[in-house]
Structure formats: structure tokens, C-alpha cells
Amino acid sequence: RQAGLDDPARLRRAERTRRVLSLELNKDRDVERIHGSGINTLDIEPVEGRYMLSGGSDGVIVLYDLENLNRKPSYTCKALFTVGRSHPDVHKFSVETVQWYPHDTGMFTSSSFDKTLKIWDTNTLQPADIFHFEGTVYSHHMSPVATKHCLIAVGTKSPKVQLCDLKSGSSSHILQGHRQEVLAVSWSPRHEYILATGSADGRVKLWDVRRASGCLSTLDQHNGEKSKASSEAASTAHNGRVNGLCYTNDGLHLLTIGTDDRMRLWNSSTGENTLVNYGKVCNESRKGLKFAISFGCNPEFAFVPYGSTIAVYTVFTGELITMLRGHYSTVNCCVFQPHFQELYSGSKDCNILAWIPAPREPVPDDISEKSLPQQHLNPAYEDAWSSSDDEG
């Protein structure tokens, strides 16, 4: 690396990985405390990686500016605005998911236990549209890569997955196949029409939303090895509720988490369980669990709320790298900031914590020549002159 012979992309990956492995609570970084109740969901906009949304169990939504404007080492990420309890359009009950519009910061979305999905104009802080549902809304997601559709997938207390069209305002498109409430939904970052859904029925289904004939596949934790007689059990992804889904950034793999205290990694093309063993992953959440996956690292890491801590695993080997400790109560969500390899987490303790890479240890620049091995000194730099006194 010192000789400059390393491939730049490889060097970037190595430095990102080093930074993730050194994540720690930083006494110089704070996030302004606004929420008076637990924080359920966080999202950082993908355009600049500068603005973060948070949603609380009291219905409040806050937007933070993560940038250090004063350039001093110690700073607090300030709240730019709040959709507080006094706002006329505030959610009546707990906000379960917030998400930025993937292409610019002029719009964001929120969904709630008050049975609504709201489309917000960031500049006016007014809802541009509101979708109403028959049951509580656990999760929603907009595709990060779609160019041919503007569909928002919504998981509710109903076993039917609903697709809301931002262009037409319609929510009539329904995906049927689950038997219980849908706790998690996630669009593929690789194929704009592919959607993954996780349900309390223990199943994870992959859909091509252009098809009217049902799901593409139902993920099977046993990879089809159980007998046909037990096909009911064989077609489940988890032996409990599936309440978390997250694709890897390249869309080639899907990570799922269930209340059977297991996390599973799936090949998203074949639907195969890769059988990576993460050990026991404690998960007692009765609703959606928001976890995150790094990208641009080698290997990639998963950041998973684990009680009052955040467990950091290597995605493809299942190794538990570390536990990030700092919250006083259950962690509900975390989000990865890929530009600077930072992690933000929200908890029932009403706090948002910033996990920042530890600074590099400075290399001393006062190393004397005497401390260097003599054979490494170029003769051209050695003293070759003599004084007149010596000559005399």
C-alpha cells in the first residue's frame, strides 16, 4: 500500500472495512434528543447521505442534519424540523416505518399503526397524499432502483400485500399468498419488479409484481429436503414470525430474521438457504425489526438489534464480530451511512446513538534516522563531506 501498488478499489474496500470494524460510541458526536418515546425507525437519504428521518412510537417524525457545519471535532446533529404532536397531520399512533423518496429529498413517506401511509412534501411538511388501510401498517418500502413504476409495497395486519401507486393514487393492486399479517417488505435493489415479503406465518415470499399468478417462490429453510408429507413445515423460512428482511446491496442475497431466534441468508436468484450459521439471534419483537447491511466492505457486515445492544455479524460466514453497547433499553432499528461508514441506532430509551469509526492512530513523524536500519539508507543521502579541521 505504501508503494502505491494496490488497486484503488481494493484499497477503498480495505479502508471501509477497517472503519466498520472500529465503530464505537463517540463522545464528540451527539444526536439532538427530540423524541419523548421509543424510536422505531430510521432512514438516511441516499442522495447525499446527509439527512436522516426518525419515527417514534408517539407518532412523531423528526428530520436531522448529520453534517458537521461548524467543522469542530465535537458537534450535535441538529433537528431541522419535527412533525410533532401539535402538527395537524401528525400520525395518531406509532410510526413504524419512514423512508425517503429514493431519488431526491423533496419527498418522504411514513406509515403507522393508525392504518395510514402518508406521502410528505419535505418543503411544506404537508401530506401530498394519504393511503388508508383496514389494519395497522407494519412496514412499507419504495424500490431504490425502479424507473418504470412508482409502487410502494405495504405490509399490514391483513395477509394481503398491498401496492400503492404514487402516480395514480391507487392501492388496488394486491398480492395474495400469506396466511397471517405481513411484518416486513423489501424491494430487490437489483430487479425493480422483484419484491420480498415476510409474514407472521413463518414464510418469506418472492414476487414479480407484474405477474397475476401468485408469488415466484416461497423460501424453504430445508431446501426441499423434507418429505412431501411434511410440506407444510418444509415451505417455511422460519419457525416463528418473520419480522425482518434486508437485501445485500448487490441484490444477490436476502437476509431474513425471525422470532425463532434465527437469521438466515438466502440466494435471491435460486431461493436456496445458504445455511450460514449465525447462532442464536435473540428476537422478541412482536412487530417489524429494522436491521442494516453494510456495503462497499470486504467482507460485508450485518448490524442487528439484539436486546439493548447491536450485534455485528459477517454476512457470509456468520461470525459474530462484536456487540455495540450504549443503549439503556431495547434497540428497535439501525441504519448504515455508507459514505462515512457510520451507524445510527434508535431505541426504546428515546435516544438515537451515533457509532463512528475510531480515528486512526497517528504515525509518529519524528522517527530519527538512527532508528532506521543503516542498510536502508541510500548512500546519496549520507554525509560525504569533511571539515577543513579534519583535513588539517
Protein backbone atom coordinates (compact mmCIF):
# COMPACT_ATOMS: atom_id res chain seq x y z
CA ARG A 1 0.00 0.00 0.00
CA GLN A 2 2.81 2.44 0.89
CA ALA A 3 4.37 1.89 -2.53
CA GLY A 4 1.08 2.76 -4.23
CA LEU A 5 0.86 -0.60 -5.97
CA ASP A 6 -2.55 -1.58 -4.58
CA ASP A 7 -5.61 -1.33 -6.80
CA PRO A 8 -7.56 1.80 -5.67
CA ALA A 9 -10.86 -0.11 -5.42
CA ARG A 10 -9.21 -2.73 -3.22
CA LEU A 11 -7.73 0.00 -1.04
CA ARG A 12 -11.15 1.66 -0.67
CA ARG A 13 -12.74 -1.64 0.38
CA ALA A 14 -9.97 -2.30 2.88
CA GLU A 15 -10.30 1.16 4.45
CA ARG A 16 -14.10 0.93 4.63
CA THR A 17 -13.76 -2.47 6.30
CA ARG A 18 -11.23 -1.12 8.79
CA ARG A 19 -13.59 1.71 9.64
CA VAL A 20 -16.58 -0.59 10.19
CA LEU A 21 -14.51 -2.87 12.41
CA SER A 22 -13.56 0.13 14.56
CA LEU A 23 -17.11 1.50 15.10
CA GLU A 24 -17.57 2.94 18.59
CA LEU A 25 -19.68 5.42 20.51
CA ASN A 26 -18.04 8.79 20.05
CA LYS A 27 -18.15 11.33 22.89
CA ASP A 28 -17.77 14.13 20.31
CA ARG A 29 -20.86 13.16 18.27
CA ASP A 30 -24.40 13.50 19.57
CA VAL A 31 -27.89 13.46 18.05
CA GLU A 32 -30.29 16.05 19.43
CA ARG A 33 -32.87 14.38 21.65
CA ILE A 34 -36.38 15.24 20.44
CA HIS A 35 -38.44 12.08 20.84
CA GLY A 36 -40.28 11.63 24.11
CA SER A 37 -40.92 7.94 23.45
CA GLY A 38 -39.23 4.99 21.78
CA ILE A 39 -37.73 5.28 18.29
CA ASN A 40 -38.94 2.62 15.86
CA THR A 41 -37.42 3.53 12.52
CA LEU A 42 -34.57 5.49 10.90
CA ASP A 43 -33.71 6.27 7.28
CA ILE A 44 -30.83 8.22 5.70
CA GLU A 45 -31.45 9.68 2.25
CA PRO A 46 -29.28 8.00 -0.41
CA VAL A 47 -28.52 11.12 -2.48
CA GLU A 48 -26.12 12.97 -0.15
CA GLY A 49 -26.22 10.75 2.92
CA ARG A 50 -26.77 13.92 4.92
CA TYR A 51 -30.39 13.96 6.14
CA MET A 52 -31.90 11.36 8.47
CA LEU A 53 -35.55 10.71 9.33
CA SER A 54 -36.73 9.13 12.57
CA GLY A 55 -40.17 7.87 13.56
CA GLY A 56 -41.34 7.35 17.13
CA SER A 57 -43.92 5.30 18.98
CA ASP A 58 -45.77 8.55 19.82
CA GLY A 59 -46.35 9.26 16.10
CA VAL A 60 -43.69 11.99 15.92
CA ILE A 61 -41.34 12.28 12.91
CA VAL A 62 -38.04 14.20 13.09
CA LEU A 63 -35.58 15.20 10.34
CA TYR A 64 -31.91 15.59 11.33
CA ASP A 65 -28.95 17.14 9.53
CA LEU A 66 -25.98 14.82 10.07
CA GLU A 67 -23.40 17.19 8.57
CA ASN A 68 -20.86 18.90 10.80
CA LEU A 69 -21.40 22.51 9.74
CA ASN A 70 -19.07 24.16 12.27
CA ARG A 71 -16.17 21.82 11.40
CA LYS A 72 -15.27 21.43 15.07
CA PRO A 73 -14.46 17.94 16.39
CA SER A 74 -17.38 17.99 18.82
CA TYR A 75 -20.88 18.60 17.46
CA THR A 76 -24.54 17.67 17.76
CA CYS A 77 -26.65 16.57 14.78
CA LYS A 78 -29.48 19.10 14.93
CA ALA A 79 -33.14 18.51 14.19
CA LEU A 80 -34.22 20.63 11.20
CA PHE A 81 -37.93 20.05 11.70
CA THR A 82 -40.40 17.96 13.65
CA VAL A 83 -43.85 16.66 12.78
CA GLY A 84 -44.84 16.88 16.44
CA ARG A 85 -47.98 16.14 18.40
CA SER A 86 -49.32 19.62 17.67
CA HIS A 87 -48.95 19.21 13.88
CA PRO A 88 -52.40 18.87 12.24
CA ASP A 89 -51.28 15.89 10.13
CA VAL A 90 -49.25 14.00 12.74
CA HIS A 91 -49.79 10.24 12.89
CA LYS A 92 -52.23 9.33 15.66
CA PHE A 93 -50.31 6.22 16.73
CA SER A 94 -46.85 4.69 16.48
CA VAL A 95 -44.82 5.35 13.31
CA GLU A 96 -43.39 2.00 12.20
CA THR A 97 -41.53 2.95 9.01
CA VAL A 98 -40.09 6.13 7.49
CA GLN A 99 -38.41 6.24 4.09
CA TRP A 100 -37.01 8.93 1.85
CA TYR A 101 -38.05 9.07 -1.78
CA PRO A 102 -35.00 7.32 -3.31
CA HIS A 103 -34.22 9.95 -5.97
CA ASP A 104 -34.30 13.27 -4.09
CA THR A 105 -35.02 14.76 -0.68
CA GLY A 106 -38.17 16.64 -1.71
CA MET A 107 -40.42 13.82 -0.55
CA PHE A 108 -40.56 11.17 2.15
CA THR A 109 -43.05 8.55 3.32
CA SER A 110 -44.26 7.30 6.70
CA SER A 111 -46.59 4.53 7.83
CA SER A 112 -48.21 3.94 11.17
CA PHE A 113 -50.38 1.86 13.45
CA ASP A 114 -53.07 4.46 12.70
CA LYS A 115 -53.69 2.46 9.47
CA THR A 116 -52.26 5.09 7.12
CA LEU A 117 -49.36 5.59 4.74
CA LYS A 118 -48.54 9.28 4.23
CA ILE A 119 -46.60 10.84 1.36
CA TRP A 120 -44.97 14.06 2.63
CA ASP A 121 -43.72 17.14 0.82
CA THR A 122 -40.46 17.89 2.65
CA ASN A 123 -40.58 21.63 1.90
CA THR A 124 -44.12 22.30 3.13
CA LEU A 125 -44.35 19.48 5.70
CA GLN A 126 -47.81 18.72 4.36
CA PRO A 127 -49.05 15.31 3.17
CA ALA A 128 -49.29 15.23 -0.63
CA ASP A 129 -51.30 12.01 -0.39
CA ILE A 130 -52.64 9.65 2.27
CA PHE A 131 -53.43 5.95 1.76
CA HIS A 132 -55.85 4.31 4.21
CA PHE A 133 -55.88 0.61 5.12
CA GLU A 134 -58.16 -1.70 7.07
CA GLY A 135 -55.47 -2.76 9.53
CA THR A 136 -52.35 -1.43 11.23
CA VAL A 137 -49.38 -0.87 8.92
CA TYR A 138 -46.19 -2.69 9.94
CA SER A 139 -43.89 -1.89 7.05
CA HIS A 140 -43.66 -0.19 3.67
CA HIS A 141 -40.91 0.18 1.07
CA MET A 142 -40.22 2.00 -2.20
CA SER A 143 -37.87 0.44 -4.74
CA PRO A 144 -34.42 2.10 -4.73
CA VAL A 145 -33.89 1.31 -8.43
CA ALA A 146 -37.32 1.48 -10.12
CA THR A 147 -37.55 3.57 -13.29
CA LYS A 148 -40.73 2.09 -14.79
CA HIS A 149 -43.03 2.12 -11.74
CA CYS A 150 -43.74 4.17 -8.59
CA LEU A 151 -45.14 1.40 -6.40
CA ILE A 152 -44.92 1.36 -2.62
CA ALA A 153 -45.24 -2.13 -1.10
CA VAL A 154 -47.19 -2.13 2.18
CA GLY A 155 -47.37 -4.86 4.82
CA THR A 156 -50.36 -4.66 7.17
CA LYS A 157 -52.36 -6.71 9.65
CA SER A 158 -54.02 -8.27 6.60
CA PRO A 159 -52.26 -11.24 4.95
CA LYS A 160 -52.57 -9.42 1.62
CA VAL A 161 -49.62 -7.31 0.47
CA GLN A 162 -50.86 -4.03 -0.98
CA LEU A 163 -49.14 -1.99 -3.68
CA CYS A 164 -49.80 1.75 -3.69
CA ASP A 165 -49.15 3.61 -6.93
CA LEU A 166 -47.78 7.12 -6.40
CA LYS A 167 -48.68 8.15 -9.95
CA SER A 168 -52.33 7.15 -9.93
CA GLY A 169 -53.06 7.24 -6.19
CA SER A 170 -54.49 3.72 -6.46
CA SER A 171 -53.91 0.95 -3.91
CA SER A 172 -55.98 -1.71 -5.66
CA HIS A 173 -53.06 -3.98 -6.63
CA ILE A 174 -52.93 -6.84 -4.10
CA LEU A 175 -50.54 -9.81 -3.70
CA GLN A 176 -52.24 -12.81 -2.10
CA GLY A 177 -50.49 -15.83 -0.61
CA HIS A 178 -49.61 -15.20 3.03
CA ARG A 179 -51.87 -16.54 5.77
CA GLN A 180 -51.14 -14.04 8.52
CA GLU A 181 -50.08 -10.40 8.90
CA VAL A 182 -47.19 -9.13 6.79
CA LEU A 183 -44.47 -7.70 9.04
CA ALA A 184 -41.70 -6.87 6.55
CA VAL A 185 -41.43 -5.92 2.86
CA SER A 186 -38.36 -5.13 0.75
CA TRP A 187 -37.83 -4.47 -2.95
CA SER A 188 -34.80 -6.00 -4.65
CA PRO A 189 -32.03 -3.45 -5.34
CA ARG A 190 -31.19 -5.48 -8.46
CA HIS A 191 -34.54 -6.07 -10.20
CA GLU A 192 -37.17 -3.34 -9.96
CA TYR A 193 -40.19 -5.67 -10.14
CA ILE A 194 -38.99 -8.22 -7.54
CA LEU A 195 -40.38 -7.90 -4.01
CA ALA A 196 -39.67 -9.93 -0.85
CA THR A 197 -42.24 -10.18 1.95
CA GLY A 198 -42.08 -11.74 5.41
CA SER A 199 -45.08 -12.75 7.47
CA ALA A 200 -46.17 -13.96 10.90
CA ASP A 201 -46.96 -17.27 9.15
CA GLY A 202 -43.20 -18.01 9.08
CA ARG A 203 -43.00 -17.62 5.32
CA VAL A 204 -40.89 -15.43 3.08
CA LYS A 205 -42.23 -15.00 -0.43
CA LEU A 206 -40.60 -13.53 -3.53
CA TRP A 207 -42.90 -11.84 -6.03
CA ASP A 208 -42.66 -10.48 -9.55
CA VAL A 209 -45.33 -7.79 -9.25
CA ARG A 210 -46.04 -7.94 -13.00
CA ARG A 211 -47.40 -11.47 -12.63
CA ALA A 212 -51.01 -12.11 -11.72
CA SER A 213 -50.50 -15.79 -10.94
CA GLY A 214 -49.10 -15.58 -7.40
CA CYS A 215 -45.61 -15.49 -5.95
CA LEU A 216 -42.43 -16.58 -7.72
CA SER A 217 -41.30 -18.73 -4.80
CA THR A 218 -41.73 -19.42 -1.11
CA LEU A 219 -38.37 -19.75 0.63
CA ASP A 220 -37.80 -23.12 2.30
CA GLN A 221 -35.40 -23.36 5.23
CA HIS A 222 -34.88 -27.08 4.50
CA ASN A 223 -34.16 -26.56 0.78
CA GLY A 224 -36.85 -29.12 -0.11
CA GLU A 225 -35.25 -31.99 1.79
CA LYS A 226 -38.27 -32.77 3.99
CA SER A 227 -40.74 -35.35 2.74
CA LYS A 228 -43.85 -34.33 0.82
CA ALA A 229 -45.93 -35.39 3.83
CA SER A 230 -44.50 -32.51 5.83
CA SER A 231 -44.62 -29.96 3.03
CA GLU A 232 -46.50 -27.59 5.32
CA ALA A 233 -43.44 -27.28 7.57
CA ALA A 234 -40.98 -27.54 4.69
CA SER A 235 -42.25 -24.39 2.99
CA THR A 236 -41.44 -22.07 5.89
CA ALA A 237 -38.40 -19.82 6.13
CA HIS A 238 -38.54 -19.62 9.95
CA ASN A 239 -40.21 -21.49 12.80
CA GLY A 240 -41.69 -18.25 14.06
CA ARG A 241 -42.80 -14.86 12.79
CA VAL A 242 -40.60 -13.35 10.08
CA ASN A 243 -40.21 -9.73 11.12
CA GLY A 244 -37.09 -8.53 9.31
CA LEU A 245 -35.85 -8.55 5.69
CA CYS A 246 -32.83 -6.93 4.11
CA TYR A 247 -31.16 -7.44 0.73
CA THR A 248 -27.42 -7.16 0.29
CA ASN A 249 -26.54 -4.07 -1.74
CA ASP A 250 -25.95 -6.09 -4.93
CA GLY A 251 -29.33 -7.81 -4.55
CA LEU A 252 -27.78 -11.28 -4.87
CA HIS A 253 -28.66 -12.34 -1.33
CA LEU A 254 -31.51 -11.78 1.11
CA LEU A 255 -31.09 -11.81 4.89
CA THR A 256 -34.15 -12.69 7.00
CA ILE A 257 -34.73 -12.72 10.74
CA GLY A 258 -37.46 -14.45 12.72
CA THR A 259 -38.78 -14.87 16.24
CA ASP A 260 -37.32 -18.40 16.24
CA ASP A 261 -34.09 -16.54 17.17
CA ARG A 262 -32.56 -17.37 13.82
CA MET A 263 -31.17 -15.31 10.96
CA ARG A 264 -30.91 -16.88 7.51
CA LEU A 265 -29.11 -15.91 4.31
CA TRP A 266 -30.77 -16.83 1.00
CA ASN A 267 -29.59 -16.84 -2.58
CA SER A 268 -32.16 -14.47 -4.05
CA SER A 269 -31.90 -15.98 -7.56
CA THR A 270 -32.40 -19.64 -6.64
CA GLY A 271 -34.23 -19.18 -3.32
CA GLU A 272 -31.73 -21.53 -1.70
CA ASN A 273 -30.94 -21.35 2.03
CA THR A 274 -27.15 -20.88 2.11
CA LEU A 275 -27.09 -22.49 5.59
CA VAL A 276 -24.83 -19.82 7.09
CA ASN A 277 -24.97 -20.29 10.87
CA TYR A 278 -25.25 -17.03 12.85
CA GLY A 279 -26.00 -18.82 16.13
CA LYS A 280 -28.81 -17.62 18.35
CA VAL A 281 -30.04 -14.16 17.31
CA CYS A 282 -32.38 -13.04 20.10
CA ASN A 283 -35.53 -11.51 18.62
CA GLU A 284 -38.60 -10.99 20.76
CA SER A 285 -40.10 -8.15 18.73
CA ARG A 286 -43.81 -8.54 18.05
CA LYS A 287 -43.57 -6.19 15.08
CA GLY A 288 -41.01 -5.32 12.40
CA LEU A 289 -37.31 -5.30 13.24
CA LYS A 290 -35.20 -2.86 11.22
CA PHE A 291 -31.63 -4.06 10.70
CA ALA A 292 -28.95 -2.97 8.23
CA ILE A 293 -26.22 -4.36 5.97
CA SER A 294 -23.00 -2.54 5.07
CA PHE A 295 -21.83 -2.14 1.52
CA GLY A 296 -18.50 -1.49 -0.11
CA CYS A 297 -16.70 -3.59 2.52
CA ASN A 298 -14.89 -6.92 2.28
CA PRO A 299 -16.45 -8.86 3.93
CA GLU A 300 -19.88 -7.25 4.33
CA PHE A 301 -21.42 -6.87 7.79
CA ALA A 302 -24.94 -7.10 9.22
CA PHE A 303 -25.96 -4.81 12.10
CA VAL A 304 -28.80 -6.45 14.04
CA PRO A 305 -30.66 -5.07 17.09
CA TYR A 306 -30.09 -7.61 19.88
CA GLY A 307 -31.80 -6.59 23.11
CA SER A 308 -30.19 -3.34 24.26
CA THR A 309 -27.15 -3.95 22.03
CA ILE A 310 -26.40 -4.19 18.31
CA ALA A 311 -24.78 -7.41 17.11
CA VAL A 312 -22.35 -7.12 14.20
CA TYR A 313 -22.01 -10.25 12.05
CA THR A 314 -20.10 -11.05 8.89
CA VAL A 315 -22.85 -11.72 6.36
CA PHE A 316 -21.34 -14.68 4.51
CA THR A 317 -19.64 -16.58 7.35
CA GLY A 318 -22.00 -15.85 10.26
CA GLU A 319 -19.19 -14.81 12.60
CA LEU A 320 -20.23 -12.53 15.46
CA ILE A 321 -17.65 -9.74 15.31
CA THR A 322 -18.73 -7.54 18.21
CA MET A 323 -21.65 -6.22 20.26
CA LEU A 324 -22.14 -2.44 20.26
CA ARG A 325 -23.24 -1.41 23.76
CA GLY A 326 -24.59 2.00 24.69
CA HIS A 327 -28.39 1.95 24.79
CA TYR A 328 -30.28 1.52 28.07
CA SER A 329 -33.28 -0.28 26.58
CA THR A 330 -34.34 -2.40 23.60
CA VAL A 331 -32.89 -1.32 20.24
CA ASN A 332 -35.59 -1.22 17.54
CA CYS A 333 -33.72 -0.09 14.46
CA CYS A 334 -30.38 0.83 12.94
CA VAL A 335 -29.29 2.38 9.66
CA PHE A 336 -25.88 2.38 7.92
CA GLN A 337 -24.37 5.53 6.42
CA PRO A 338 -22.18 4.16 3.59
CA HIS A 339 -20.36 7.40 2.67
CA PHE A 340 -18.52 7.58 6.00
CA GLN A 341 -19.18 4.05 7.34
CA GLU A 342 -21.24 5.31 10.29
CA LEU A 343 -24.12 3.59 12.05
CA TYR A 344 -27.13 5.20 13.73
CA SER A 345 -29.43 3.28 16.08
CA GLY A 346 -32.81 4.03 17.68
CA SER A 347 -34.10 2.56 20.92
CA LYS A 348 -36.98 2.43 23.36
CA ASP A 349 -34.80 4.64 25.60
CA CYS A 350 -35.76 7.59 23.30
CA ASN A 351 -32.15 8.05 22.15
CA ILE A 352 -30.52 7.93 18.74
CA LEU A 353 -26.86 6.95 19.08
CA ALA A 354 -24.12 7.60 16.52
CA TRP A 355 -21.48 4.89 16.09
CA ILE A 356 -18.41 6.38 14.44
CA PRO A 357 -15.18 4.74 13.20
CA ALA A 358 -12.36 5.21 15.68
CA PRO A 359 -9.71 7.64 14.38
CA ARG A 360 -6.53 6.13 13.03
CA GLU A 361 -3.56 6.13 15.37
CA PRO A 362 -1.21 8.82 14.02
CA VAL A 363 2.11 7.59 12.68
CA PRO A 364 4.94 9.40 14.50
CA ASP A 365 6.77 11.74 12.11
CA ASP A 366 9.77 12.31 14.37
CA ILE A 367 11.43 8.96 13.75
CA SER A 368 15.15 9.70 13.67
CA GLU A 369 17.44 8.32 11.03
CA LYS A 370 19.37 6.48 13.72
CA SER A 371 16.32 4.34 14.41
CA LEU A 372 16.24 3.16 10.79
CA PRO A 373 18.33 0.16 9.72
CA GLN A 374 21.52 1.54 8.16
CA GLN A 375 21.32 -0.69 5.09
CA HIS A 376 18.04 1.03 4.14
CA LEU A 377 19.72 4.46 3.86
CA ASN A 378 20.58 5.48 0.33
CA PRO A 379 24.30 6.39 0.13
CA ALA A 380 23.29 9.54 -1.75
CA TYR A 381 21.76 10.87 1.47
CA GLU A 382 24.76 10.09 3.73
CA ASP A 383 27.15 12.82 4.86
CA ALA A 384 30.16 12.62 2.50
CA TRP A 385 31.88 15.90 3.30
CA SER A 386 34.62 16.68 5.80
CA SER A 387 35.57 19.90 7.54
CA SER A 388 38.86 21.71 6.94
CA ASP A 389 39.82 20.99 10.55
CA ASP A 390 39.66 17.26 9.87
CA GLU A 391 41.81 17.66 6.80
CA GLY A 392 44.43 19.69 8.67
